[in-house]
Amino acid sequence: MTKKEKAQYIQTELEKLYPETPVPLAHTDAYTLLIAVLLSAQCTDERVNTITPLLFSKADTPQKMVLLSVAEIKEIIRPCGLSPAKSKAIHRLSELLLEHHEGQVPASFESLEFLPGVGHKTASVVMAQAFGVPAFPVDTHIHRLLTRWGISNGKSVVQTERDAKKYFPKELWNKLHLQIIFYGRAYSPARSPKKSIDYITETIGTAAAKKALK
């Protein structure tokens, strides 16, 4: 089975499992999504979703966020971890949105990645889910699974993203990256790679797939 055939098999089976792909992070617009994704670094989506209601009740726009002090933001987001750096980034990026983008989240990778606390993965999520621009954000689940499934070599997330974009159709990127994340969380914990192989082969797979995806 070639990588292209593996990719076709994977996308077909994931579509059966996850025909609907709601964004896991609660948000109402591009700005609240940006803040939620920034907070999710080294923090679970579930925890982020317990914290953002309080944060957004106080400040759900850049205009409101800059009225809070860094210390106030830090206290609210403390349970997410890395709160000193994240609070500074949230406050400063809000200032930059007001200074350079009229308070709007820019719909470009370059402008997003210029903002403090916003790396390529965060920018990719915002571009994909807020603006519908084809992107393939690579988190730990995607990096791990595409390596296990033989789509990429696992050397770096940059290479994984490159391979994902090569072997999966562009029109599926925005949905597929979420489908892989959902699958990884449900069936492929990082400490149990065998569980991933067993599920995809025994529950939704075939003998040919079992051989190909090991």
N, C-alpha and C. Protein backbone atom coordinates (compact mmCIF):
# COMPACT_ATOMS: atom_id res chain seq x y z
N MET A 1 0.85 -1.20 0.00
CA MET A 1 0.00 0.00 0.00
C MET A 1 0.89 1.25 0.00
N THR A 2 0.69 2.12 -0.96
CA THR A 2 1.49 3.34 -1.04
C THR A 2 1.00 4.35 0.01
N LYS A 3 1.79 5.41 0.21
CA LYS A 3 1.37 6.45 1.15
C LYS A 3 0.07 7.09 0.70
N LYS A 4 -0.09 7.25 -0.60
CA LYS A 4 -1.32 7.84 -1.12
C LYS A 4 -2.51 6.94 -0.81
N GLU A 5 -2.32 5.64 -0.96
CA GLU A 5 -3.39 4.70 -0.66
C GLU A 5 -3.68 4.67 0.84
N LYS A 6 -2.64 4.74 1.66
CA LYS A 6 -2.84 4.81 3.10
C LYS A 6 -3.65 6.06 3.47
N ALA A 7 -3.27 7.18 2.87
CA ALA A 7 -3.96 8.44 3.16
C ALA A 7 -5.44 8.35 2.78
N GLN A 8 -5.73 7.73 1.64
CA GLN A 8 -7.12 7.57 1.21
C GLN A 8 -7.89 6.70 2.19
N TYR A 9 -7.27 5.63 2.62
CA TYR A 9 -7.90 4.73 3.58
C TYR A 9 -8.18 5.46 4.90
N ILE A 10 -7.21 6.18 5.39
CA ILE A 10 -7.34 6.90 6.66
C ILE A 10 -8.47 7.93 6.59
N GLN A 11 -8.49 8.73 5.53
CA GLN A 11 -9.51 9.77 5.45
C GLN A 11 -10.90 9.17 5.31
N THR A 12 -11.01 8.04 4.61
CA THR A 12 -12.32 7.38 4.45
C THR A 12 -12.83 6.87 5.79
N GLU A 13 -11.97 6.22 6.56
CA GLU A 13 -12.38 5.66 7.84
C GLU A 13 -12.65 6.75 8.88
N LEU A 14 -11.86 7.80 8.88
CA LEU A 14 -12.09 8.88 9.83
C LEU A 14 -13.39 9.62 9.53
N GLU A 15 -13.75 9.69 8.27
CA GLU A 15 -15.02 10.33 7.92
C GLU A 15 -16.20 9.52 8.47
N LYS A 16 -16.06 8.19 8.49
CA LYS A 16 -17.10 7.35 9.07
C LYS A 16 -17.22 7.59 10.58
N LEU A 17 -16.08 7.75 11.24
CA LEU A 17 -16.07 7.95 12.68
C LEU A 17 -16.52 9.34 13.08
N TYR A 18 -16.06 10.36 12.32
CA TYR A 18 -16.29 11.75 12.70
C TYR A 18 -16.82 12.58 11.53
N PRO A 19 -18.08 12.34 11.14
CA PRO A 19 -18.64 13.13 10.04
C PRO A 19 -18.81 14.61 10.40
N GLU A 20 -18.94 14.88 11.70
CA GLU A 20 -19.04 16.25 12.18
C GLU A 20 -17.80 16.57 13.01
N THR A 21 -17.25 17.78 12.81
CA THR A 21 -16.01 18.13 13.51
C THR A 21 -16.12 19.52 14.16
N PRO A 22 -16.84 19.61 15.26
CA PRO A 22 -16.91 20.90 15.96
C PRO A 22 -15.55 21.26 16.55
N VAL A 23 -15.22 22.53 16.52
CA VAL A 23 -13.96 22.98 17.10
C VAL A 23 -14.01 22.76 18.61
N PRO A 24 -13.06 22.05 19.19
CA PRO A 24 -13.12 21.70 20.61
C PRO A 24 -13.05 22.89 21.57
N LEU A 25 -12.44 23.98 21.14
CA LEU A 25 -12.29 25.14 22.00
C LEU A 25 -13.50 26.08 21.85
N ALA A 26 -14.15 26.38 22.96
CA ALA A 26 -15.31 27.26 22.93
C ALA A 26 -14.88 28.67 22.53
N HIS A 27 -15.60 29.26 21.57
CA HIS A 27 -15.27 30.61 21.11
C HIS A 27 -16.47 31.18 20.37
N THR A 28 -16.45 32.47 20.16
CA THR A 28 -17.56 33.12 19.45
C THR A 28 -17.11 33.84 18.18
N ASP A 29 -15.81 34.10 18.07
CA ASP A 29 -15.30 34.80 16.89
C ASP A 29 -13.81 34.54 16.77
N ALA A 30 -13.19 35.19 15.80
CA ALA A 30 -11.77 34.95 15.55
C ALA A 30 -10.90 35.35 16.74
N TYR A 31 -11.27 36.43 17.42
CA TYR A 31 -10.46 36.88 18.56
C TYR A 31 -10.52 35.89 19.72
N THR A 32 -11.72 35.47 20.09
CA THR A 32 -11.83 34.53 21.20
C THR A 32 -11.22 33.18 20.84
N LEU A 33 -11.29 32.79 19.58
CA LEU A 33 -10.61 31.56 19.16
C LEU A 33 -9.10 31.72 19.30
N LEU A 34 -8.57 32.84 18.86
CA LEU A 34 -7.13 33.09 18.96
C LEU A 34 -6.67 32.99 20.41
N ILE A 35 -7.39 33.61 21.32
CA ILE A 35 -7.01 33.58 22.73
C ILE A 35 -7.11 32.16 23.28
N ALA A 36 -8.17 31.45 22.91
CA ALA A 36 -8.35 30.08 23.41
C ALA A 36 -7.25 29.15 22.92
N VAL A 37 -6.86 29.31 21.65
CA VAL A 37 -5.79 28.46 21.12
C VAL A 37 -4.47 28.78 21.80
N LEU A 38 -4.21 30.06 22.02
CA LEU A 38 -2.99 30.45 22.73
C LEU A 38 -2.96 29.82 24.13
N LEU A 39 -4.10 29.84 24.81
CA LEU A 39 -4.17 29.28 26.16
C LEU A 39 -3.99 27.76 26.16
N SER A 40 -4.31 27.11 25.05
CA SER A 40 -4.29 25.65 25.01
C SER A 40 -2.88 25.06 24.94
N ALA A 41 -1.87 25.88 24.77
CA ALA A 41 -0.49 25.38 24.76
C ALA A 41 -0.19 24.73 26.10
N GLN A 42 0.17 23.45 26.06
CA GLN A 42 0.48 22.68 27.28
C GLN A 42 -0.67 22.70 28.28
N CYS A 43 -1.89 22.74 27.76
CA CYS A 43 -3.09 22.72 28.59
C CYS A 43 -4.20 22.03 27.80
N THR A 44 -5.04 21.27 28.47
CA THR A 44 -6.10 20.56 27.76
C THR A 44 -7.20 21.52 27.31
N ASP A 45 -7.88 21.15 26.24
CA ASP A 45 -9.00 21.96 25.77
C ASP A 45 -10.08 22.05 26.85
N GLU A 46 -10.28 20.95 27.57
CA GLU A 46 -11.31 20.94 28.61
C GLU A 46 -11.03 22.01 29.67
N ARG A 47 -9.78 22.10 30.07
CA ARG A 47 -9.44 23.11 31.08
C ARG A 47 -9.57 24.51 30.52
N VAL A 48 -9.12 24.70 29.28
CA VAL A 48 -9.27 26.02 28.65
C VAL A 48 -10.74 26.43 28.65
N ASN A 49 -11.62 25.49 28.33
CA ASN A 49 -13.04 25.79 28.24
C ASN A 49 -13.68 26.09 29.60
N THR A 50 -13.00 25.72 30.68
CA THR A 50 -13.51 26.10 32.00
C THR A 50 -13.03 27.48 32.42
N ILE A 51 -11.98 27.96 31.78
CA ILE A 51 -11.37 29.24 32.15
C ILE A 51 -11.85 30.39 31.28
N THR A 52 -12.01 30.13 29.99
CA THR A 52 -12.36 31.23 29.07
C THR A 52 -13.70 31.90 29.35
N PRO A 53 -14.72 31.19 29.88
CA PRO A 53 -15.95 31.93 30.18
C PRO A 53 -15.74 33.11 31.13
N LEU A 54 -14.92 32.92 32.16
CA LEU A 54 -14.64 34.02 33.07
C LEU A 54 -13.82 35.11 32.39
N LEU A 55 -12.79 34.69 31.66
CA LEU A 55 -11.95 35.67 30.98
C LEU A 55 -12.77 36.47 29.98
N PHE A 56 -13.58 35.78 29.17
CA PHE A 56 -14.33 36.47 28.12
C PHE A 56 -15.52 37.25 28.67
N SER A 57 -15.97 36.91 29.87
CA SER A 57 -17.03 37.73 30.48
C SER A 57 -16.49 39.11 30.85
N LYS A 58 -15.19 39.17 31.09
CA LYS A 58 -14.54 40.43 31.41
C LYS A 58 -13.97 41.12 30.17
N ALA A 59 -13.50 40.30 29.22
CA ALA A 59 -12.86 40.88 28.04
C ALA A 59 -12.91 39.89 26.88
N ASP A 60 -13.83 40.14 25.95
CA ASP A 60 -13.94 39.27 24.78
C ASP A 60 -13.59 40.00 23.49
N THR A 61 -12.96 41.17 23.64
CA THR A 61 -12.48 41.94 22.49
C THR A 61 -11.12 42.52 22.87
N PRO A 62 -10.31 42.88 21.89
CA PRO A 62 -9.03 43.53 22.20
C PRO A 62 -9.23 44.82 23.00
N GLN A 63 -10.28 45.56 22.65
CA GLN A 63 -10.55 46.82 23.34
C GLN A 63 -10.76 46.61 24.84
N LYS A 64 -11.46 45.55 25.19
CA LYS A 64 -11.71 45.26 26.61
C LYS A 64 -10.49 44.62 27.27
N MET A 65 -9.78 43.80 26.51
CA MET A 65 -8.65 43.08 27.10
C MET A 65 -7.55 44.04 27.55
N VAL A 66 -7.30 45.08 26.78
CA VAL A 66 -6.22 45.99 27.16
C VAL A 66 -6.56 46.81 28.40
N LEU A 67 -7.84 46.82 28.78
CA LEU A 67 -8.23 47.52 30.00
C LEU A 67 -7.92 46.71 31.24
N LEU A 68 -7.70 45.41 31.06
CA LEU A 68 -7.27 44.57 32.17
C LEU A 68 -5.76 44.68 32.31
N SER A 69 -5.28 44.53 33.51
CA SER A 69 -3.83 44.50 33.70
C SER A 69 -3.32 43.10 33.40
N VAL A 70 -2.02 42.99 33.14
CA VAL A 70 -1.42 41.68 32.93
C VAL A 70 -1.64 40.80 34.16
N ALA A 71 -1.56 41.41 35.33
CA ALA A 71 -1.75 40.66 36.58
C ALA A 71 -3.17 40.10 36.68
N GLU A 72 -4.15 40.88 36.25
CA GLU A 72 -5.53 40.40 36.29
C GLU A 72 -5.73 39.23 35.33
N ILE A 73 -5.17 39.34 34.14
CA ILE A 73 -5.27 38.25 33.18
C ILE A 73 -4.58 37.01 33.71
N LYS A 74 -3.40 37.22 34.28
CA LYS A 74 -2.62 36.10 34.83
C LYS A 74 -3.39 35.35 35.90
N GLU A 75 -4.08 36.05 36.76
CA GLU A 75 -4.82 35.41 37.85
C GLU A 75 -5.96 34.55 37.28
N ILE A 76 -6.62 35.04 36.26
CA ILE A 76 -7.75 34.30 35.68
C ILE A 76 -7.27 33.04 34.97
N ILE A 77 -6.18 33.13 34.24
CA ILE A 77 -5.75 32.01 33.40
C ILE A 77 -4.75 31.10 34.11
N ARG A 78 -4.46 31.35 35.37
CA ARG A 78 -3.45 30.59 36.11
C ARG A 78 -3.62 29.07 35.97
N PRO A 79 -4.85 28.52 36.04
CA PRO A 79 -4.99 27.06 35.95
C PRO A 79 -4.51 26.46 34.63
N CYS A 80 -4.34 27.28 33.61
CA CYS A 80 -3.88 26.77 32.32
C CYS A 80 -2.37 26.49 32.30
N GLY A 81 -1.64 27.04 33.25
CA GLY A 81 -0.20 26.89 33.22
C GLY A 81 0.44 27.94 32.33
N LEU A 82 1.71 28.19 32.57
CA LEU A 82 2.47 29.19 31.81
C LEU A 82 1.79 30.55 31.85
N SER A 83 1.08 30.83 32.92
CA SER A 83 0.29 32.06 32.98
C SER A 83 1.11 33.34 32.91
N PRO A 84 2.34 33.40 33.44
CA PRO A 84 3.09 34.66 33.30
C PRO A 84 3.33 35.03 31.83
N ALA A 85 3.77 34.06 31.04
CA ALA A 85 4.05 34.34 29.63
C ALA A 85 2.76 34.53 28.84
N LYS A 86 1.78 33.71 29.10
CA LYS A 86 0.53 33.79 28.34
C LYS A 86 -0.20 35.10 28.61
N SER A 87 -0.22 35.55 29.86
CA SER A 87 -0.92 36.80 30.18
C SER A 87 -0.26 37.99 29.50
N LYS A 88 1.06 38.01 29.48
CA LYS A 88 1.76 39.08 28.78
C LYS A 88 1.47 39.05 27.28
N ALA A 89 1.47 37.84 26.71
CA ALA A 89 1.21 37.70 25.28
C ALA A 89 -0.20 38.15 24.93
N ILE A 90 -1.17 37.75 25.74
CA ILE A 90 -2.57 38.13 25.47
C ILE A 90 -2.74 39.65 25.52
N HIS A 91 -2.15 40.26 26.52
CA HIS A 91 -2.29 41.71 26.65
C HIS A 91 -1.60 42.43 25.50
N ARG A 92 -0.39 42.01 25.18
CA ARG A 92 0.37 42.70 24.14
C ARG A 92 -0.23 42.46 22.76
N LEU A 93 -0.66 41.24 22.47
CA LEU A 93 -1.24 41.00 21.13
C LEU A 93 -2.53 41.79 20.96
N SER A 94 -3.25 41.99 22.05
CA SER A 94 -4.46 42.80 21.99
C SER A 94 -4.13 44.25 21.66
N GLU A 95 -3.05 44.75 22.27
CA GLU A 95 -2.58 46.10 21.94
C GLU A 95 -2.19 46.19 20.47
N LEU A 96 -1.50 45.18 19.96
CA LEU A 96 -1.04 45.20 18.56
C LEU A 96 -2.21 45.10 17.59
N LEU A 97 -3.24 44.36 17.96
CA LEU A 97 -4.43 44.29 17.09
C LEU A 97 -5.08 45.66 16.98
N LEU A 98 -5.09 46.40 18.07
CA LEU A 98 -5.66 47.75 18.05
C LEU A 98 -4.76 48.72 17.29
N GLU A 99 -3.45 48.56 17.47
CA GLU A 99 -2.51 49.49 16.84
C GLU A 99 -2.38 49.28 15.33
N HIS A 100 -2.44 48.04 14.90
CA HIS A 100 -2.13 47.74 13.50
C HIS A 100 -3.28 47.14 12.68
N HIS A 101 -4.34 46.67 13.34
CA HIS A 101 -5.38 45.96 12.60
C HIS A 101 -6.79 46.41 12.97
N GLU A 102 -6.90 47.61 13.51
CA GLU A 102 -8.20 48.17 13.87
C GLU A 102 -9.00 47.25 14.78
N GLY A 103 -8.28 46.51 15.61
CA GLY A 103 -8.95 45.64 16.56
C GLY A 103 -9.44 44.33 16.01
N GLN A 104 -9.10 44.05 14.75
CA GLN A 104 -9.54 42.81 14.11
C GLN A 104 -8.39 41.81 14.02
N VAL A 105 -8.72 40.53 14.09
CA VAL A 105 -7.71 39.49 13.92
C VAL A 105 -7.39 39.40 12.42
N PRO A 106 -6.13 39.55 12.05
CA PRO A 106 -5.78 39.51 10.62
C PRO A 106 -5.88 38.11 10.04
N ALA A 107 -6.31 38.05 8.81
CA ALA A 107 -6.48 36.76 8.13
C ALA A 107 -5.26 36.44 7.27
N SER A 108 -4.09 36.47 7.88
CA SER A 108 -2.88 36.09 7.16
C SER A 108 -1.92 35.43 8.13
N PHE A 109 -1.22 34.42 7.63
CA PHE A 109 -0.25 33.72 8.47
C PHE A 109 0.83 34.66 8.97
N GLU A 110 1.33 35.50 8.08
CA GLU A 110 2.44 36.39 8.44
C GLU A 110 2.04 37.33 9.57
N SER A 111 0.88 37.94 9.46
CA SER A 111 0.44 38.89 10.48
C SER A 111 0.14 38.19 11.81
N LEU A 112 -0.46 37.02 11.73
CA LEU A 112 -0.76 36.27 12.96
C LEU A 112 0.52 35.85 13.67
N GLU A 113 1.47 35.32 12.92
CA GLU A 113 2.70 34.83 13.53
C GLU A 113 3.59 35.95 14.04
N PHE A 114 3.29 37.17 13.66
CA PHE A 114 4.00 38.33 14.21
C PHE A 114 3.56 38.64 15.63
N LEU A 115 2.35 38.20 15.99
CA LEU A 115 1.81 38.50 17.31
C LEU A 115 2.50 37.67 18.39
N PRO A 116 2.73 38.24 19.55
CA PRO A 116 3.39 37.49 20.64
C PRO A 116 2.56 36.30 21.07
N GLY A 117 3.22 35.18 21.31
CA GLY A 117 2.53 33.98 21.77
C GLY A 117 1.86 33.19 20.67
N VAL A 118 1.97 33.66 19.43
CA VAL A 118 1.29 32.99 18.31
C VAL A 118 2.33 32.37 17.39
N GLY A 119 2.43 31.05 17.44
CA GLY A 119 3.32 30.33 16.54
C GLY A 119 2.58 29.85 15.31
N HIS A 120 3.25 29.03 14.53
CA HIS A 120 2.66 28.57 13.26
C HIS A 120 1.43 27.71 13.49
N LYS A 121 1.47 26.84 14.49
CA LYS A 121 0.31 25.98 14.74
C LYS A 121 -0.91 26.80 15.14
N THR A 122 -0.72 27.74 16.06
CA THR A 122 -1.83 28.60 16.48
C THR A 122 -2.38 29.39 15.30
N ALA A 123 -1.50 29.95 14.51
CA ALA A 123 -1.93 30.70 13.33
C ALA A 123 -2.70 29.80 12.37
N SER A 124 -2.24 28.56 12.22
CA SER A 124 -2.90 27.63 11.31
C SER A 124 -4.31 27.30 11.77
N VAL A 125 -4.48 27.11 13.09
CA VAL A 125 -5.82 26.83 13.61
C VAL A 125 -6.75 28.00 13.34
N VAL A 126 -6.29 29.20 13.60
CA VAL A 126 -7.12 30.39 13.39
C VAL A 126 -7.44 30.56 11.91
N MET A 127 -6.46 30.40 11.06
CA MET A 127 -6.71 30.53 9.62
C MET A 127 -7.72 29.50 9.13
N ALA A 128 -7.58 28.26 9.65
CA ALA A 128 -8.47 27.19 9.21
C ALA A 128 -9.88 27.35 9.76
N GLN A 129 -9.98 27.56 11.06
CA GLN A 129 -11.28 27.50 11.70
C GLN A 129 -12.01 28.84 11.79
N ALA A 130 -11.29 29.94 11.78
CA ALA A 130 -11.94 31.24 11.82
C ALA A 130 -12.18 31.80 10.43
N PHE A 131 -11.26 31.52 9.50
CA PHE A 131 -11.34 32.13 8.19
C PHE A 131 -11.53 31.14 7.04
N GLY A 132 -11.51 29.84 7.35
CA GLY A 132 -11.75 28.84 6.32
C GLY A 132 -10.64 28.70 5.30
N VAL A 133 -9.46 29.18 5.63
CA VAL A 133 -8.31 29.05 4.74
C VAL A 133 -7.70 27.66 4.93
N PRO A 134 -7.47 26.90 3.86
CA PRO A 134 -6.89 25.56 4.02
C PRO A 134 -5.56 25.59 4.78
N ALA A 135 -5.50 24.83 5.86
CA ALA A 135 -4.29 24.74 6.69
C ALA A 135 -4.30 23.37 7.34
N PHE A 136 -3.15 22.94 7.82
CA PHE A 136 -3.08 21.63 8.48
C PHE A 136 -2.27 21.79 9.77
N PRO A 137 -2.90 22.33 10.82
CA PRO A 137 -2.20 22.48 12.09
C PRO A 137 -1.76 21.11 12.62
N VAL A 138 -0.53 21.01 13.03
CA VAL A 138 -0.02 19.73 13.52
C VAL A 138 0.22 19.81 15.02
N ASP A 139 -0.60 19.07 15.78
CA ASP A 139 -0.37 18.97 17.22
C ASP A 139 0.28 17.62 17.52
N THR A 140 0.41 17.29 18.79
CA THR A 140 1.11 16.06 19.15
C THR A 140 0.38 14.81 18.65
N HIS A 141 -0.96 14.84 18.67
CA HIS A 141 -1.72 13.69 18.18
C HIS A 141 -1.46 13.45 16.70
N ILE A 142 -1.53 14.51 15.91
CA ILE A 142 -1.34 14.38 14.47
C ILE A 142 0.09 13.95 14.16
N HIS A 143 1.05 14.57 14.83
CA HIS A 143 2.45 14.21 14.61
C HIS A 143 2.68 12.73 14.93
N ARG A 144 2.14 12.28 16.04
CA ARG A 144 2.32 10.89 16.46
C ARG A 144 1.63 9.91 15.51
N LEU A 145 0.38 10.20 15.16
CA LEU A 145 -0.38 9.25 14.36
C LEU A 145 0.10 9.17 12.92
N LEU A 146 0.42 10.30 12.31
CA LEU A 146 0.89 10.24 10.93
C LEU A 146 2.24 9.55 10.85
N THR A 147 2.99 9.58 11.94
CA THR A 147 4.23 8.81 11.99
C THR A 147 3.92 7.32 12.11
N ARG A 148 3.04 6.97 13.04
CA ARG A 148 2.68 5.56 13.23
C ARG A 148 2.05 4.96 11.99
N TRP A 149 1.29 5.75 11.28
CA TRP A 149 0.59 5.25 10.09
C TRP A 149 1.45 5.30 8.83
N GLY A 150 2.68 5.76 8.97
CA GLY A 150 3.59 5.73 7.84
C GLY A 150 3.39 6.82 6.81
N ILE A 151 2.67 7.88 7.18
CA ILE A 151 2.49 9.00 6.26
C ILE A 151 3.68 9.94 6.32
N SER A 152 4.29 10.05 7.52
CA SER A 152 5.47 10.90 7.68
C SER A 152 6.53 10.13 8.47
N ASN A 153 7.73 10.71 8.53
CA ASN A 153 8.83 10.00 9.19
C ASN A 153 9.03 10.40 10.64
N GLY A 154 8.27 11.37 11.12
CA GLY A 154 8.33 11.74 12.53
C GLY A 154 9.52 12.58 12.92
N LYS A 155 10.30 13.06 11.96
CA LYS A 155 11.51 13.82 12.30
C LYS A 155 11.19 15.19 12.89
N SER A 156 10.11 15.81 12.43
CA SER A 156 9.73 17.12 12.94
C SER A 156 8.29 17.41 12.59
N VAL A 157 7.66 18.34 13.33
CA VAL A 157 6.29 18.71 13.00
C VAL A 157 6.24 19.44 11.66
N VAL A 158 7.32 20.10 11.31
CA VAL A 158 7.39 20.76 10.01
C VAL A 158 7.29 19.73 8.89
N GLN A 159 8.03 18.64 9.01
CA GLN A 159 7.98 17.59 8.01
C GLN A 159 6.61 16.90 8.01
N THR A 160 6.04 16.70 9.18
CA THR A 160 4.72 16.08 9.26
C THR A 160 3.68 16.94 8.55
N GLU A 161 3.73 18.24 8.76
CA GLU A 161 2.79 19.13 8.09
C GLU A 161 2.99 19.08 6.58
N ARG A 162 4.24 19.07 6.15
CA ARG A 162 4.54 19.01 4.73
C ARG A 162 3.98 17.72 4.10
N ASP A 163 4.17 16.60 4.80
CA ASP A 163 3.70 15.32 4.28
C ASP A 163 2.17 15.24 4.29
N ALA A 164 1.55 15.76 5.35
CA ALA A 164 0.09 15.76 5.43
C ALA A 164 -0.50 16.53 4.25
N LYS A 165 0.09 17.67 3.95
CA LYS A 165 -0.41 18.48 2.83
C LYS A 165 -0.14 17.82 1.48
N LYS A 166 0.87 17.01 1.44
CA LYS A 166 1.21 16.31 0.20
C LYS A 166 0.25 15.17 -0.10
N TYR A 167 -0.11 14.42 0.94
CA TYR A 167 -0.86 13.18 0.72
C TYR A 167 -2.36 13.29 0.93
N PHE A 168 -2.83 14.35 1.60
CA PHE A 168 -4.26 14.52 1.79
C PHE A 168 -4.77 15.68 0.92
N PRO A 169 -5.95 15.56 0.34
CA PRO A 169 -6.50 16.63 -0.51
C PRO A 169 -6.67 17.94 0.25
N LYS A 170 -6.32 19.02 -0.40
CA LYS A 170 -6.35 20.34 0.23
C LYS A 170 -7.73 20.68 0.79
N GLU A 171 -8.78 20.28 0.09
CA GLU A 171 -10.13 20.62 0.52
C GLU A 171 -10.54 19.89 1.80
N LEU A 172 -9.75 18.90 2.22
CA LEU A 172 -10.06 18.15 3.43
C LEU A 172 -9.22 18.57 4.63
N TRP A 173 -8.20 19.39 4.44
CA TRP A 173 -7.26 19.70 5.51
C TRP A 173 -7.94 20.20 6.78
N ASN A 174 -8.83 21.18 6.63
CA ASN A 174 -9.40 21.82 7.82
C ASN A 174 -10.24 20.86 8.65
N LYS A 175 -10.92 19.95 7.99
CA LYS A 175 -11.73 18.96 8.70
C LYS A 175 -10.88 17.79 9.18
N LEU A 176 -9.97 17.35 8.33
CA LEU A 176 -9.20 16.14 8.63
C LEU A 176 -8.29 16.33 9.83
N HIS A 177 -7.71 17.51 9.99
CA HIS A 177 -6.81 17.68 11.14
C HIS A 177 -7.59 17.53 12.45
N LEU A 178 -8.85 17.95 12.47
CA LEU A 178 -9.68 17.76 13.66
C LEU A 178 -10.06 16.29 13.83
N GLN A 179 -10.36 15.62 12.72
CA GLN A 179 -10.72 14.20 12.81
C GLN A 179 -9.57 13.38 13.40
N ILE A 180 -8.35 13.69 12.98
CA ILE A 180 -7.19 12.96 13.51
C ILE A 180 -7.01 13.26 14.99
N ILE A 181 -7.21 14.50 15.39
CA ILE A 181 -7.11 14.86 16.80
C ILE A 181 -8.15 14.10 17.62
N PHE A 182 -9.40 14.07 17.15
CA PHE A 182 -10.45 13.34 17.86
C PHE A 182 -10.09 11.87 17.99
N TYR A 183 -9.60 11.29 16.90
CA TYR A 183 -9.22 9.88 16.92
C TYR A 183 -8.07 9.64 17.91
N GLY A 184 -7.07 10.51 17.87
CA GLY A 184 -5.93 10.35 18.75
C GLY A 184 -6.33 10.40 20.21
N ARG A 185 -7.22 11.32 20.56
CA ARG A 185 -7.64 11.44 21.95
C ARG A 185 -8.44 10.23 22.40
N ALA A 186 -9.26 9.70 21.50
CA ALA A 186 -10.15 8.61 21.87
C ALA A 186 -9.47 7.25 21.84
N TYR A 187 -8.59 7.04 20.86
CA TYR A 187 -8.10 5.69 20.61
C TYR A 187 -6.59 5.52 20.61
N SER A 188 -5.85 6.62 20.69
CA SER A 188 -4.40 6.49 20.57
C SER A 188 -3.65 7.31 21.60
N PRO A 189 -3.75 6.93 22.86
CA PRO A 189 -2.97 7.65 23.87
C PRO A 189 -1.48 7.51 23.59
N ALA A 190 -0.74 8.53 23.96
CA ALA A 190 0.69 8.57 23.62
C ALA A 190 1.46 7.38 24.18
N ARG A 191 1.03 6.86 25.32
CA ARG A 191 1.76 5.77 25.96
C ARG A 191 1.30 4.39 25.52
N SER A 192 0.34 4.33 24.58
CA SER A 192 -0.17 3.02 24.15
C SER A 192 -0.34 2.99 22.64
N PRO A 193 0.77 2.98 21.90
CA PRO A 193 0.66 2.98 20.44
C PRO A 193 -0.05 1.75 19.90
N LYS A 194 0.04 0.63 20.59
CA LYS A 194 -0.60 -0.59 20.11
C LYS A 194 -2.11 -0.41 20.03
N LYS A 195 -2.66 0.37 20.96
CA LYS A 195 -4.10 0.59 20.96
C LYS A 195 -4.55 1.24 19.66
N SER A 196 -3.74 2.16 19.16
CA SER A 196 -4.07 2.82 17.90
C SER A 196 -4.13 1.82 16.76
N ILE A 197 -3.12 0.98 16.66
CA ILE A 197 -3.07 0.00 15.57
C ILE A 197 -4.21 -1.00 15.72
N ASP A 198 -4.44 -1.50 16.95
CA ASP A 198 -5.50 -2.47 17.16
C ASP A 198 -6.84 -1.92 16.74
N TYR A 199 -7.12 -0.68 17.10
CA TYR A 199 -8.44 -0.12 16.79
C TYR A 199 -8.64 0.04 15.29
N ILE A 200 -7.69 0.66 14.64
CA ILE A 200 -7.88 0.95 13.22
C ILE A 200 -7.90 -0.32 12.38
N THR A 201 -7.27 -1.38 12.86
CA THR A 201 -7.24 -2.61 12.09
C THR A 201 -8.34 -3.59 12.48
N GLU A 202 -8.63 -3.71 13.77
CA GLU A 202 -9.60 -4.70 14.21
C GLU A 202 -11.03 -4.17 14.22
N THR A 203 -11.19 -2.88 14.46
CA THR A 203 -12.52 -2.33 14.55
C THR A 203 -13.00 -1.75 13.23
N ILE A 204 -12.13 -1.05 12.53
CA ILE A 204 -12.56 -0.47 11.26
C ILE A 204 -11.67 -0.89 10.11
N GLY A 205 -10.68 -1.74 10.38
CA GLY A 205 -9.70 -2.06 9.36
C GLY A 205 -9.87 -3.41 8.71
N THR A 206 -8.89 -3.75 7.93
CA THR A 206 -8.84 -5.00 7.20
C THR A 206 -7.46 -5.60 7.37
N ALA A 207 -7.30 -6.83 6.90
CA ALA A 207 -5.98 -7.47 6.99
C ALA A 207 -4.94 -6.66 6.23
N ALA A 208 -5.32 -6.14 5.06
CA ALA A 208 -4.38 -5.36 4.25
C ALA A 208 -4.00 -4.08 4.99
N ALA A 209 -4.99 -3.46 5.63
CA ALA A 209 -4.71 -2.23 6.36
C ALA A 209 -3.82 -2.52 7.56
N LYS A 210 -4.06 -3.64 8.21
CA LYS A 210 -3.27 -4.01 9.37
C LYS A 210 -1.78 -4.10 8.99
N LYS A 211 -1.52 -4.71 7.86
CA LYS A 211 -0.15 -4.84 7.39
C LYS A 211 0.42 -3.49 7.00
N ALA A 212 -0.40 -2.68 6.36
CA ALA A 212 0.07 -1.39 5.83
C ALA A 212 0.33 -0.36 6.92
N LEU A 213 -0.52 -0.38 7.96
CA LEU A 213 -0.47 0.68 8.94
C LEU A 213 0.39 0.35 10.14
N LYS A 214 0.99 -0.83 10.21
CA LYS A 214 1.88 -1.15 11.31
C LYS A 214 3.20 -0.43 11.14
